[in-house]
Structures are given as C-alpha cells and as structure tokens.
Amino acid sequence: MPIFGLRLSCIIALVSGAIFPLALAPLFWWPIQLLSIAGLALAFPAASTTRQAFAIGWCYSFGQFATGVSWIYVSIHSFGGTPIWLAVPMVGIFAAFLGLLPAAWFALRQYLTGNTLAWLTLPAFWIMHEWFRSWFFTGFPWLFAGEGHVDTWLSGWAPIIGSYGISFIVVLTVTMTLEALRQRKPLFLLIFSLWPIGLALQSIEWTKVEGTMTVAAVQGNVNQNDKWRREEIFPTIEKYQNASKPLLGTDLILWPETAITLFLDQYRPHMKRFADEARDQGSTIITGIPYRHPSGTTLAGEFHNSVTAFGAGSGIYHKQRLVPFGEYVPLEKLIRGWIPFFDLDMSSFLEGEANQPPLLVPIISDDGNEELALIAPFICYEIAYADLVAHNAKEADLLVTVSNDAWFGDSLGPKQHMALVRMRALETQRYILRSTNTGITALVDERGHFVERIPVNAEGILTGVAQRRSGNTPYMLWGIWPTLGLAFFIAIVAMWQRRRLK
C-alpha cells in the first residue's frame, strides 16, 4: 500500500537522491545513504504504472546526479569558457540525462514485477542499472552505492563481490529492514549479519607479497589555464625532470596524465639525455603523454591519450575508456564550434585496444637478482571501471593511475575519484600508485589505506615503498557476474510469482 501520494513521493525521491552523495567521498556519511535509499523505497509504492515508476526513479536520480556530479561545472565554466548562464543549465541537462538511465530500469521493474517481492526487486534492479551505466555510451561508473564503503565493515566483501556486490548488500539492508517493520518479522533483520561478516573478511589475504619496490610520484601543480600554452611546454618538462633528478635510483617514478604536452615523437629528442641518466641509475619513469601515429601508417596523424615508460623500463599504453566531450566529442561534426567547451584542447583522442601488455619495470629483488615488475596503468577515468581494473590487474604486480583533476578544481570530483582508486585497491588487493597534476597524488595499499599522499593544489613529491603482489581475488576471477546473475534470478522469480498470483 502506498504511504504517500504520487506528487509527494516524487518530492521525497528528489530530496532522497540529493542527499545520496553525502555518503560518498569526501564525507563518507554512510548512514545517510541508508536513509536516502529508504526514501526511494518508500516512494515507489505510490507508482501503479510504468510511467509513474519512471517519474519517481528519475526524480531520485536527477537529485543524485545534480548534487553528486555538480563538479563538472568547474570544467564547463572555468576551463571550458562557457558563461555561467549556460554552464549551470548544462550541468542540469547532464544530470537530467543521466537520470534517464536508472529511471528506465526502475520503470522496467514496475512493468515486469510491479510490487511483487519489492524488497528483493529494488536491490536487483539497482544493480542492473549500475551495471548498465558502467558500459552504456562508454559508461559512467560514478556515484555507485558500494563506493561509499571503503572504510566500513562492508569493505571486507570488496575482494569477493566488488563494489557492485556491496551496493546490493546496502540496498538489501534497507529494503529488508523496511520489510521487517512492515511485516513485524525480525527474521528479515538477519541481513545485518553480512556487516560483521565483512569485518571478519578484512583479515583474509587473497593475494601474496612477491617483493617490494621503491616508488615516487611527482605532483607538478601546473596551472590548467597555462598547461597547453606553447611557451609553457619546456618549462613544464624542466619542472618534472628537475623534480625527478634527486629521485633517480628509485625503481619507479610516476608523472601525471599528459604531464608532457608534446607528442611522444616530439618529446623523444628532449627525453634522451634524461632517459639515459635514469637508465644508468636503474630508474623507470612513467609519464602521461599524447601519442601520435607516425606518417605512412593507416592512422597517421591520429592520436591517443597514453602513458609510456622510459629509462630502465619500457612499454606504452593507450587509454581504452575515453571521457565524452573531454577526450572525444560525440557527433563531433555536428556540434564542434557551438560553444568553446566543445573545442577543448586534445578532445579528439582515439580509443586504445583491449588487452594491451603491461609496462615493464626492472628492479633489483631482495635477494639481489634483477626482476621485471609488471605494471598495469590506468589513465584518469579508467580507474572507475571495476571490470577493466580487475581484468588488467591479473597480470600485474602493481597498479598505477595518472590523472589531471585540475579540470575540476578543489571540488567533489577529485575526492570522489580518489575514493574509486581506494576501492579498486580493495577489489584487487594490489598497491596503487597515483600521480595527478594538482592532487590527490597518493600511494594506497592493498587494503585501500593511504600509505602516503600529497595535499591538493600543492607542488610536491611523494616517495614510498610498494609491495609487489600476485594472485587473483575472487572478484578478479568472477567480476560482477555472480551478483548480476542473482539480480536477474530475482527478477525472474518475481515475474513468475506475479503471474501466479494474478
């Protein structure tokens, strides 16, 4: 039975969605998340049609995205040159569009199952929409419920079922609590047993230590408005090289995304002397840099957002998951030139191929022998893709990620981004070294804890010792599929039950 009318339910859903991001970085007020999801669960009974369920779901999701990704305003206005009067509604339009995706899944839930087994179908369709949003239109895996639990008892589940599975537990905790109150059956409260079980799981070592390596990361704090200016190219190169010279002898030195604003073929002549110095002292530099396909090849003149290793190490990686409008422009021929935001520097990258080999970093092991550390790199937004990270981590001893979050200032965006890094460390039980232009640069251990970090908007150097780890967590082997399979099974059972009761 509905508790509220449709109009009030839509308002409750909107407000509930708007408070959802408080449970994520940087506040991590996870009880707010339970309250937010409860608001949605209490609003849905007012929907008797698919259209009404869509409206409630959209109101919730619009509120969620309008507050949770409001940080894109900084890139649209401050760096994209879009006036305030247009930038604000653009953020609203973006949030409204994103809200259509979960709303469609909640409408499908109403169409297929109605209110049958609602306490099970809401968690099931929540996971379906998170999964769908992770790949549709290249994906936007952001603001997932599980990401708010890197520091709670539920984090122990991350190596087994990942953030998707944690999302399922969180939503199921809410719906079963409400069902316990509705039916006055305390048995439903057994769902809370999964929380202390998560605490116990935190003590399990799913991967093993193969050795250690010394690492460093440079945070240049280069002004985003100056970064791509011609006159700043060589001062920026000097900044990173001069900051790294005292670090030579460190196994791995990491620079941020597009730290070098020349194409790799243009930088090579300037890189040679420093690369030789690094090689002589056993150091590998990994830097973000644009890569341009050479003349005479099929893709001549086209370019990638890439990272490359030089000095003692080797390898190159081209980014696979590109950011719409930031790294490529959908319907480019139609909308280029409308507003400055659609003409940002370096916004026509090509997508890298899947299954690229890891970067190679030679190190001297604890017993004095030379070994090759296998490094899986991820560029910026890619660290949000749990499936991509889990897959590529299988062959890697250490994960590195580079970013340039200067696009978003000191907003929620960089802090949410850092939380995703910590969750990926939990899911793979790997150390992750992260270098960004303006922060947050950090070394994170296999438990998702900070080992070292540099403050935001500060020039600095991070040094530390990272463990090289091998082995696969259950999540790396199975991914989302057990959780998603359970969600589809619940949907099928609810559909059968609904038909049987008619």
Protein backbone atom coordinates (compact mmCIF):
# COMPACT_ATOMS: atom_id res chain seq x y z
CA MET A 1 0.00 0.00 0.00
CA PRO A 2 1.31 3.47 -0.87
CA ILE A 3 2.24 5.65 2.08
CA PHE A 4 2.35 8.91 0.10
CA GLY A 5 0.63 10.31 -2.96
CA LEU A 6 2.48 10.40 -6.29
CA ARG A 7 3.41 14.08 -6.13
CA LEU A 8 4.75 13.86 -2.57
CA SER A 9 6.56 10.62 -3.47
CA CYS A 10 8.36 12.40 -6.32
CA ILE A 11 9.43 15.17 -3.92
CA ILE A 12 10.64 12.63 -1.37
CA ALA A 13 12.55 10.81 -4.11
CA LEU A 14 14.17 14.05 -5.31
CA VAL A 15 15.33 15.04 -1.82
CA SER A 16 16.45 11.48 -1.05
CA GLY A 17 18.55 11.39 -4.21
CA ALA A 18 20.07 14.80 -3.49
CA ILE A 19 21.46 13.66 -0.12
CA PHE A 20 22.89 10.40 -1.51
CA PRO A 21 26.35 11.88 -2.38
CA LEU A 22 26.91 12.79 1.29
CA ALA A 23 27.62 9.10 1.83
CA LEU A 24 30.47 9.20 -0.70
CA ALA A 25 33.82 10.99 -0.63
CA PRO A 26 34.87 13.19 0.99
CA LEU A 27 32.37 12.92 3.88
CA PHE A 28 31.58 9.18 3.77
CA TRP A 29 28.46 9.66 5.91
CA TRP A 30 27.27 6.15 5.03
CA PRO A 31 24.15 6.18 7.29
CA ILE A 32 22.84 8.99 5.05
CA GLN A 33 22.99 6.51 2.19
CA LEU A 34 20.67 4.12 4.02
CA LEU A 35 18.27 6.98 4.69
CA SER A 36 18.45 8.06 1.04
CA ILE A 37 17.65 4.58 -0.30
CA ALA A 38 14.87 4.21 2.27
CA GLY A 39 13.28 7.38 0.90
CA LEU A 40 13.29 5.85 -2.58
CA ALA A 41 11.89 2.54 -1.33
CA LEU A 42 9.06 4.33 0.49
CA ALA A 43 8.28 6.45 -2.57
CA PHE A 44 7.93 3.60 -5.08
CA PRO A 45 4.66 2.10 -3.74
CA ALA A 46 2.89 5.24 -4.99
CA ALA A 47 3.62 4.09 -8.55
CA SER A 48 0.86 1.99 -10.07
CA THR A 49 2.02 2.37 -13.67
CA THR A 50 5.31 2.15 -15.53
CA ARG A 51 5.21 5.88 -16.26
CA GLN A 52 4.78 6.74 -12.57
CA ALA A 53 7.67 4.45 -11.60
CA PHE A 54 9.80 6.15 -14.23
CA ALA A 55 8.90 9.57 -12.79
CA ILE A 56 9.82 8.58 -9.23
CA GLY A 57 13.05 6.91 -10.37
CA TRP A 58 14.01 9.92 -12.48
CA CYS A 59 13.37 12.39 -9.63
CA TYR A 60 15.62 10.36 -7.34
CA SER A 61 18.37 10.01 -9.93
CA PHE A 62 18.21 13.64 -11.02
CA GLY A 63 18.68 14.75 -7.41
CA GLN A 64 21.54 12.27 -7.02
CA PHE A 65 23.43 13.44 -10.12
CA ALA A 66 22.62 17.15 -9.76
CA THR A 67 24.48 17.24 -6.45
CA GLY A 68 26.91 14.36 -6.95
CA VAL A 69 28.41 15.45 -10.28
CA SER A 70 27.94 19.19 -9.89
CA TRP A 71 31.74 19.41 -10.12
CA ILE A 72 31.57 19.27 -13.92
CA TYR A 73 30.52 22.93 -13.69
CA VAL A 74 34.17 23.80 -12.99
CA SER A 75 35.41 22.27 -16.25
CA ILE A 76 32.49 23.64 -18.29
CA HIS A 77 32.72 27.20 -16.96
CA SER A 78 36.21 27.80 -15.58
CA PHE A 79 38.17 25.87 -18.20
CA GLY A 80 35.63 25.35 -20.98
CA GLY A 81 34.88 29.06 -21.37
CA THR A 82 31.11 28.59 -21.11
CA PRO A 83 29.29 31.54 -19.49
CA ILE A 84 27.56 30.95 -16.15
CA TRP A 85 24.09 31.43 -17.59
CA LEU A 86 24.71 28.48 -19.92
CA ALA A 87 27.05 26.36 -17.75
CA VAL A 88 24.50 25.95 -14.94
CA PRO A 89 21.70 24.60 -17.15
CA MET A 90 24.24 22.39 -18.94
CA VAL A 91 25.02 20.72 -15.61
CA GLY A 92 21.27 20.32 -15.06
CA ILE A 93 20.79 18.84 -18.53
CA PHE A 94 23.66 16.43 -17.92
CA ALA A 95 22.12 15.33 -14.61
CA ALA A 96 18.69 15.04 -16.22
CA PHE A 97 20.11 12.84 -19.00
CA LEU A 98 21.96 10.58 -16.58
CA GLY A 99 18.78 10.27 -14.55
CA LEU A 100 17.02 8.68 -17.53
CA LEU A 101 19.13 5.53 -17.31
CA PRO A 102 18.25 4.33 -13.77
CA ALA A 103 14.70 5.63 -14.26
CA ALA A 104 14.31 3.34 -17.26
CA TRP A 105 15.41 0.33 -15.19
CA PHE A 106 13.04 1.22 -12.37
CA ALA A 107 10.23 1.59 -14.92
CA LEU A 108 11.12 -1.84 -16.29
CA ARG A 109 10.94 -3.19 -12.74
CA GLN A 110 7.40 -1.85 -12.41
CA TYR A 111 6.41 -3.27 -15.79
CA LEU A 112 7.79 -6.74 -15.12
CA THR A 113 7.27 -7.27 -11.40
CA GLY A 114 5.05 -4.47 -10.04
CA ASN A 115 5.15 -4.58 -6.25
CA THR A 116 5.75 -8.34 -6.10
CA LEU A 117 8.70 -9.13 -3.82
CA ALA A 118 9.54 -5.43 -3.87
CA TRP A 119 12.08 -5.84 -1.08
CA LEU A 120 14.11 -8.10 -3.39
CA THR A 121 13.48 -6.48 -6.76
CA LEU A 122 14.64 -3.00 -5.72
CA PRO A 123 18.17 -4.25 -4.89
CA ALA A 124 18.15 -6.41 -8.03
CA PHE A 125 17.20 -3.61 -10.42
CA TRP A 126 19.53 -1.19 -8.60
CA ILE A 127 22.44 -3.49 -9.52
CA MET A 128 21.15 -3.87 -13.06
CA HIS A 129 21.16 -0.11 -13.55
CA GLU A 130 24.66 0.28 -12.03
CA TRP A 131 25.93 -2.44 -14.38
CA PHE A 132 24.18 -0.92 -17.40
CA ARG A 133 25.52 2.54 -16.60
CA SER A 134 29.05 1.15 -16.42
CA TRP A 135 29.18 0.46 -20.16
CA PHE A 136 26.32 2.23 -21.99
CA PHE A 137 27.72 5.09 -24.15
CA THR A 138 31.25 4.11 -22.96
CA GLY A 139 29.88 4.16 -19.40
CA PHE A 140 29.65 6.49 -16.44
CA PRO A 141 30.51 4.29 -13.41
CA TRP A 142 30.18 7.06 -10.85
CA LEU A 143 28.12 7.51 -7.66
CA PHE A 144 27.66 3.79 -7.09
CA ALA A 145 26.38 2.88 -3.64
CA GLY A 146 29.24 0.48 -2.88
CA GLU A 147 31.87 3.18 -3.37
CA GLY A 148 30.84 4.77 -0.07
CA HIS A 149 32.08 1.79 1.94
CA VAL A 150 35.85 1.79 1.54
CA ASP A 151 36.12 2.36 5.31
CA THR A 152 33.13 0.41 6.65
CA TRP A 153 32.83 -3.24 7.65
CA LEU A 154 31.44 -3.99 4.20
CA SER A 155 34.84 -3.27 2.64
CA GLY A 156 35.79 -6.84 3.51
CA TRP A 157 33.39 -8.00 0.77
CA ALA A 158 35.17 -5.95 -1.94
CA PRO A 159 37.72 -8.62 -2.96
CA ILE A 160 34.87 -11.15 -3.28
CA ILE A 161 31.94 -9.32 -4.86
CA GLY A 162 33.36 -5.87 -5.62
CA SER A 163 31.64 -2.56 -5.21
CA TYR A 164 28.63 -3.85 -7.17
CA GLY A 165 28.05 -6.60 -4.64
CA ILE A 166 28.44 -4.12 -1.79
CA SER A 167 25.80 -1.95 -3.47
CA PHE A 168 23.47 -4.95 -3.48
CA ILE A 169 24.06 -5.60 0.24
CA VAL A 170 23.46 -1.93 1.09
CA VAL A 171 20.15 -1.69 -0.78
CA LEU A 172 19.03 -5.09 0.51
CA THR A 173 19.83 -3.97 4.06
CA VAL A 174 17.42 -1.06 3.63
CA THR A 175 14.60 -3.00 1.97
CA MET A 176 14.76 -5.92 4.40
CA THR A 177 14.72 -3.54 7.36
CA LEU A 178 11.62 -1.84 5.98
CA GLU A 179 10.06 -5.25 5.33
CA ALA A 180 10.81 -6.32 8.91
CA LEU A 181 8.93 -3.26 10.15
CA ARG A 182 6.07 -3.75 7.71
CA GLN A 183 5.53 -7.45 8.42
CA ARG A 184 6.77 -7.26 12.03
CA LYS A 185 9.11 -10.18 11.34
CA PRO A 186 12.55 -9.72 12.92
CA LEU A 187 13.86 -12.56 10.73
CA PHE A 188 14.44 -10.02 7.95
CA LEU A 189 16.99 -8.28 10.14
CA LEU A 190 19.39 -11.16 9.58
CA ILE A 191 20.65 -9.13 6.64
CA PHE A 192 22.70 -7.18 9.18
CA SER A 193 24.81 -10.28 9.79
CA LEU A 194 26.54 -9.57 6.47
CA TRP A 195 28.11 -6.47 8.01
CA PRO A 196 30.18 -8.17 10.76
CA ILE A 197 30.98 -10.97 8.31
CA GLY A 198 32.50 -8.24 6.13
CA LEU A 199 34.61 -7.16 9.10
CA ALA A 200 35.87 -10.73 9.54
CA LEU A 201 36.66 -10.99 5.82
CA GLN A 202 39.00 -8.00 6.08
CA SER A 203 41.64 -10.24 7.67
CA ILE A 204 41.87 -12.58 4.67
CA GLU A 205 44.92 -12.27 2.39
CA TRP A 206 43.63 -13.03 -1.10
CA THR A 207 46.95 -12.12 -2.75
CA LYS A 208 50.53 -12.68 -1.64
CA VAL A 209 53.60 -10.46 -1.43
CA GLU A 210 56.25 -11.19 -4.08
CA GLY A 211 58.62 -8.43 -3.01
CA THR A 212 58.85 -4.67 -2.74
CA MET A 213 59.94 -1.77 -4.91
CA THR A 214 60.72 1.85 -4.27
CA VAL A 215 58.31 4.30 -5.87
CA ALA A 216 57.86 8.03 -6.23
CA ALA A 217 55.25 10.31 -7.75
CA VAL A 218 55.58 13.95 -8.80
CA GLN A 219 52.71 16.42 -8.46
CA GLY A 220 53.62 19.40 -10.62
CA ASN A 221 50.63 21.61 -9.79
CA VAL A 222 50.78 23.19 -13.25
CA ASN A 223 48.06 25.78 -13.79
CA GLN A 224 45.42 24.28 -16.07
CA ASN A 225 44.95 27.57 -17.95
CA ASP A 226 48.67 27.57 -18.82
CA LYS A 227 49.22 23.85 -19.32
CA TRP A 228 48.75 23.72 -23.10
CA ARG A 229 50.33 27.07 -23.97
CA ARG A 230 53.30 26.74 -26.31
CA GLU A 231 55.55 28.87 -24.12
CA GLU A 232 54.89 26.57 -21.12
CA ILE A 233 55.91 23.31 -22.82
CA PHE A 234 59.60 23.33 -21.99
CA PRO A 235 59.32 24.95 -18.55
CA THR A 236 56.93 22.11 -17.67
CA ILE A 237 59.35 19.49 -18.99
CA GLU A 238 62.14 21.05 -16.93
CA LYS A 239 59.91 21.11 -13.85
CA TYR A 240 59.24 17.36 -13.99
CA GLN A 241 62.78 16.39 -14.93
CA ASN A 242 64.37 18.62 -12.27
CA ALA A 243 61.97 17.32 -9.62
CA SER A 244 62.84 13.74 -10.58
CA LYS A 245 66.64 14.01 -10.73
CA PRO A 246 67.06 13.71 -6.93
CA LEU A 247 64.82 10.63 -7.11
CA LEU A 248 66.99 8.71 -9.59
CA GLY A 249 67.81 5.35 -8.11
CA THR A 250 64.12 4.86 -7.20
CA ASP A 251 62.69 1.87 -9.08
CA LEU A 252 59.64 3.72 -10.41
CA ILE A 253 58.94 7.45 -10.75
CA LEU A 254 55.43 8.38 -11.87
CA TRP A 255 54.36 11.64 -13.56
CA PRO A 256 50.71 12.70 -14.12
CA GLU A 257 48.39 12.38 -17.09
CA THR A 258 49.66 14.47 -20.04
CA ALA A 259 52.48 15.77 -17.84
CA ILE A 260 54.30 16.33 -21.13
CA THR A 261 52.27 18.40 -23.58
CA LEU A 262 54.27 17.39 -26.63
CA PHE A 263 53.52 14.30 -28.65
CA LEU A 264 55.78 11.40 -27.74
CA ASP A 265 57.66 11.60 -31.07
CA GLN A 266 58.30 15.33 -30.41
CA TYR A 267 59.48 14.69 -26.84
CA ARG A 268 61.92 11.87 -27.61
CA PRO A 269 64.86 14.14 -28.61
CA HIS A 270 64.44 16.13 -25.35
CA MET A 271 63.92 12.95 -23.34
CA LYS A 272 67.08 11.09 -24.44
CA ARG A 273 69.62 12.59 -22.04
CA PHE A 274 67.33 12.29 -19.01
CA ALA A 275 66.29 8.77 -20.07
CA ASP A 276 69.95 7.74 -20.22
CA GLU A 277 70.54 9.14 -16.71
CA ALA A 278 67.51 7.27 -15.39
CA ARG A 279 68.62 4.04 -17.07
CA ASP A 280 72.13 4.31 -15.67
CA GLN A 281 70.72 4.57 -12.14
CA GLY A 282 68.14 1.83 -12.59
CA SER A 283 65.06 4.08 -12.59
CA THR A 284 61.99 3.89 -14.78
CA ILE A 285 59.93 6.99 -15.48
CA ILE A 286 56.27 6.50 -16.38
CA THR A 287 54.55 9.60 -17.72
CA GLY A 288 51.29 10.57 -19.27
CA ILE A 289 51.86 11.90 -22.81
CA PRO A 290 49.85 12.16 -26.05
CA TYR A 291 50.88 9.64 -28.70
CA ARG A 292 50.62 10.45 -32.42
CA HIS A 293 50.61 7.77 -35.09
CA PRO A 294 53.53 8.32 -37.49
CA SER A 295 53.18 9.27 -41.14
CA GLY A 296 52.95 6.40 -43.56
CA THR A 297 50.71 4.34 -41.25
CA THR A 298 46.98 3.70 -41.54
CA LEU A 299 46.19 6.04 -38.63
CA ALA A 300 48.78 8.70 -39.49
CA GLY A 301 48.12 11.93 -37.58
CA GLU A 302 45.56 10.40 -35.21
CA PHE A 303 46.46 10.40 -31.51
CA HIS A 304 45.89 8.66 -28.19
CA ASN A 305 45.90 9.68 -24.55
CA SER A 306 48.77 7.48 -23.43
CA VAL A 307 51.37 6.62 -20.82
CA THR A 308 54.88 5.49 -21.68
CA ALA A 309 57.78 4.07 -19.70
CA PHE A 310 61.34 5.20 -20.38
CA GLY A 311 64.72 4.96 -18.70
CA ALA A 312 65.34 1.44 -17.40
CA GLY A 313 61.80 0.28 -18.19
CA SER A 314 59.72 0.08 -21.34
CA GLY A 315 56.22 -0.07 -22.73
CA ILE A 316 53.37 2.13 -23.84
CA TYR A 317 49.67 2.06 -23.06
CA HIS A 318 46.83 3.83 -24.89
CA LYS A 319 43.72 4.75 -22.92
CA GLN A 320 40.75 2.50 -23.64
CA ARG A 321 37.84 4.25 -21.93
CA LEU A 322 37.51 7.83 -23.15
CA VAL A 323 35.54 10.62 -21.49
CA PRO A 324 32.74 12.04 -23.68
CA PHE A 325 33.37 15.73 -24.52
CA GLY A 326 36.65 15.69 -22.59
CA GLU A 327 38.56 13.27 -24.84
CA TYR A 328 36.19 12.76 -27.71
CA VAL A 329 33.11 14.64 -28.87
CA PRO A 330 30.02 12.56 -29.71
CA LEU A 331 28.50 13.67 -33.03
CA GLU A 332 31.65 15.74 -33.47
CA LYS A 333 30.88 17.03 -36.97
CA LEU A 334 27.54 18.39 -35.84
CA ILE A 335 28.40 20.21 -32.61
CA ARG A 336 32.04 21.35 -32.94
CA GLY A 337 32.13 25.14 -32.75
CA TRP A 338 28.83 25.65 -30.92
CA ILE A 339 30.50 26.71 -27.67
CA PRO A 340 34.15 26.74 -26.52
CA PHE A 341 33.58 23.68 -24.32
CA PHE A 342 33.16 21.53 -27.45
CA ASP A 343 36.56 22.71 -28.74
CA LEU A 344 38.79 21.96 -25.74
CA ASP A 345 42.44 21.14 -26.41
CA MET A 346 43.12 17.47 -27.11
CA SER A 347 39.49 16.36 -27.25
CA SER A 348 39.75 14.05 -30.28
CA PHE A 349 41.60 11.03 -28.90
CA LEU A 350 41.35 7.53 -30.36
CA GLU A 351 40.33 4.61 -28.17
CA GLY A 352 43.12 2.18 -27.28
CA GLU A 353 42.83 -1.53 -27.95
CA ALA A 354 41.86 -4.06 -25.29
CA ASN A 355 44.38 -6.47 -23.74
CA GLN A 356 47.44 -4.25 -24.06
CA PRO A 357 50.58 -5.67 -22.40
CA PRO A 358 51.73 -4.31 -19.02
CA LEU A 359 54.57 -1.85 -18.67
CA LEU A 360 57.91 -3.39 -17.67
CA VAL A 361 59.99 -2.03 -14.79
CA PRO A 362 63.28 -3.80 -13.93
CA ILE A 363 64.10 -3.89 -10.24
CA ILE A 364 66.71 -5.49 -8.01
CA SER A 365 64.89 -8.01 -5.82
CA ASP A 366 65.53 -8.61 -2.13
CA ASP A 367 67.95 -11.46 -2.96
CA GLY A 368 70.00 -9.25 -5.30
CA ASN A 369 68.68 -10.58 -8.60
CA GLU A 370 67.13 -8.41 -11.32
CA GLU A 371 63.42 -8.98 -11.86
CA LEU A 372 60.78 -7.41 -14.04
CA ALA A 373 57.85 -5.80 -12.25
CA LEU A 374 54.68 -5.85 -14.34
CA ILE A 375 52.77 -2.59 -14.10
CA ALA A 376 49.13 -2.16 -15.11
CA PRO A 377 48.45 1.51 -15.95
CA PHE A 378 45.11 3.30 -15.91
CA ILE A 379 44.55 6.80 -17.18
CA CYS A 380 42.25 9.12 -15.24
CA TYR A 381 38.63 7.99 -15.57
CA GLU A 382 39.60 4.36 -16.32
CA ILE A 383 40.16 3.65 -12.63
CA ALA A 384 36.37 3.96 -12.19
CA TYR A 385 35.81 0.83 -14.30
CA ALA A 386 35.94 -2.05 -11.83
CA ASP A 387 35.81 -4.69 -14.56
CA LEU A 388 38.66 -3.15 -16.56
CA VAL A 389 40.88 -2.79 -13.49
CA ALA A 390 40.14 -6.33 -12.26
CA HIS A 391 40.93 -7.79 -15.69
CA ASN A 392 44.19 -5.90 -16.24
CA ALA A 393 45.39 -6.45 -12.67
CA LYS A 394 45.58 -10.22 -13.21
CA GLU A 395 48.95 -9.91 -14.94
CA ALA A 396 50.30 -7.08 -12.79
CA ASP A 397 52.36 -6.77 -9.61
CA LEU A 398 51.47 -3.11 -9.09
CA LEU A 399 48.80 -0.77 -10.44
CA VAL A 400 49.46 2.85 -11.37
CA THR A 401 47.00 5.53 -12.34
CA VAL A 402 47.62 9.02 -13.67
CA SER A 403 45.15 11.87 -13.85
CA ASN A 404 44.74 15.59 -14.31
CA ASP A 405 41.92 16.52 -11.96
CA ALA A 406 42.85 20.20 -12.28
CA TRP A 407 39.85 20.36 -14.63
CA PHE A 408 37.60 20.18 -11.55
CA GLY A 409 39.43 22.40 -9.06
CA ASP A 410 39.07 21.61 -5.36
CA SER A 411 35.53 20.26 -5.82
CA LEU A 412 33.89 16.93 -5.00
CA GLY A 413 35.18 15.41 -8.25
CA PRO A 414 38.84 14.77 -7.33
CA LYS A 415 37.86 13.43 -3.91
CA GLN A 416 35.30 11.03 -5.38
CA HIS A 417 37.92 9.99 -7.93
CA MET A 418 40.43 9.16 -5.18
CA ALA A 419 37.83 7.02 -3.41
CA LEU A 420 37.45 4.96 -6.58
CA VAL A 421 41.21 4.31 -6.52
CA ARG A 422 40.91 3.00 -2.97
CA MET A 423 38.02 0.69 -3.90
CA ARG A 424 39.98 -0.73 -6.85
CA ALA A 425 42.87 -1.47 -4.46
CA LEU A 426 40.45 -3.37 -2.21
CA GLU A 427 38.93 -5.34 -5.09
CA THR A 428 42.30 -6.43 -6.49
CA GLN A 429 44.35 -6.43 -3.26
CA ARG A 430 47.08 -4.55 -5.09
CA TYR A 431 49.04 -1.45 -4.18
CA ILE A 432 48.14 1.52 -6.38
CA LEU A 433 50.44 4.46 -7.05
CA ARG A 434 48.64 7.58 -8.27
CA SER A 435 50.10 10.77 -9.73
CA THR A 436 47.97 13.80 -10.59
CA ASN A 437 48.75 17.33 -11.69
CA THR A 438 47.10 19.12 -8.76
CA GLY A 439 46.12 16.25 -6.45
CA ILE A 440 45.28 13.88 -4.99
CA THR A 441 48.64 12.14 -5.53
CA ALA A 442 48.91 9.08 -3.29
CA LEU A 443 50.21 5.59 -2.61
CA VAL A 444 47.44 3.24 -1.48
CA ASP A 445 47.97 -0.24 -0.04
CA GLU A 446 46.07 -3.44 -0.80
CA ARG A 447 43.53 -2.59 1.93
CA GLY A 448 42.66 0.74 0.35
CA HIS A 449 44.52 2.68 3.05
CA PHE A 450 46.71 5.69 2.33
CA VAL A 451 50.42 4.97 2.73
CA GLU A 452 51.49 8.44 1.57
CA ARG A 453 49.75 11.38 -0.10
CA ILE A 454 50.33 14.97 -1.20
CA PRO A 455 47.86 17.77 -0.35
CA VAL A 456 45.64 19.17 -3.10
CA ASN A 457 46.83 22.25 -5.04
CA ALA A 458 50.42 21.88 -3.87
CA GLU A 459 53.60 21.11 -5.75
CA GLY A 460 55.24 18.08 -4.19
CA ILE A 461 56.99 14.72 -4.38
CA LEU A 462 55.77 11.50 -2.84
CA THR A 463 58.16 8.66 -2.03
CA GLY A 464 57.48 5.26 -0.54
CA VAL A 465 57.85 1.51 -0.75
CA ALA A 466 55.18 -0.51 -2.53
CA GLN A 467 54.55 -4.21 -2.25
CA ARG A 468 54.51 -6.26 -5.43
CA ARG A 469 51.65 -8.72 -5.10
CA SER A 470 50.44 -11.67 -7.14
CA GLY A 471 47.33 -13.81 -7.21
CA ASN A 472 43.70 -13.19 -8.05
CA THR A 473 40.92 -12.20 -5.71
CA PRO A 474 37.53 -13.86 -6.25
CA TYR A 475 36.27 -10.61 -7.76
CA MET A 476 39.11 -10.58 -10.28
CA LEU A 477 38.07 -14.08 -11.36
CA TRP A 478 34.30 -13.70 -11.35
CA GLY A 479 33.65 -9.98 -11.66
CA ILE A 480 30.09 -8.73 -11.40
CA TRP A 481 28.55 -11.88 -12.89
CA PRO A 482 27.53 -13.72 -9.69
CA THR A 483 25.84 -10.56 -8.35
CA LEU A 484 24.26 -9.74 -11.69
CA GLY A 485 23.14 -13.35 -12.13
CA LEU A 486 21.45 -13.23 -8.72
CA ALA A 487 19.73 -9.98 -9.69
CA PHE A 488 18.31 -11.47 -12.89
CA PHE A 489 17.26 -14.62 -11.00
CA ILE A 490 15.34 -12.46 -8.50
CA ALA A 491 13.64 -10.64 -11.36
CA ILE A 492 12.58 -13.93 -12.98
CA VAL A 493 11.23 -15.31 -9.68
CA ALA A 494 9.29 -12.09 -9.04
CA MET A 495 7.81 -12.20 -12.56
CA TRP A 496 6.75 -15.81 -12.04
CA GLN A 497 5.28 -15.04 -8.62
CA ARG A 498 3.36 -12.06 -10.00
CA ARG A 499 1.89 -14.15 -12.81
CA ARG A 500 0.97 -16.93 -10.38
CA LEU A 501 -0.90 -14.53 -8.11
CA LYS A 502 -2.97 -12.99 -10.90
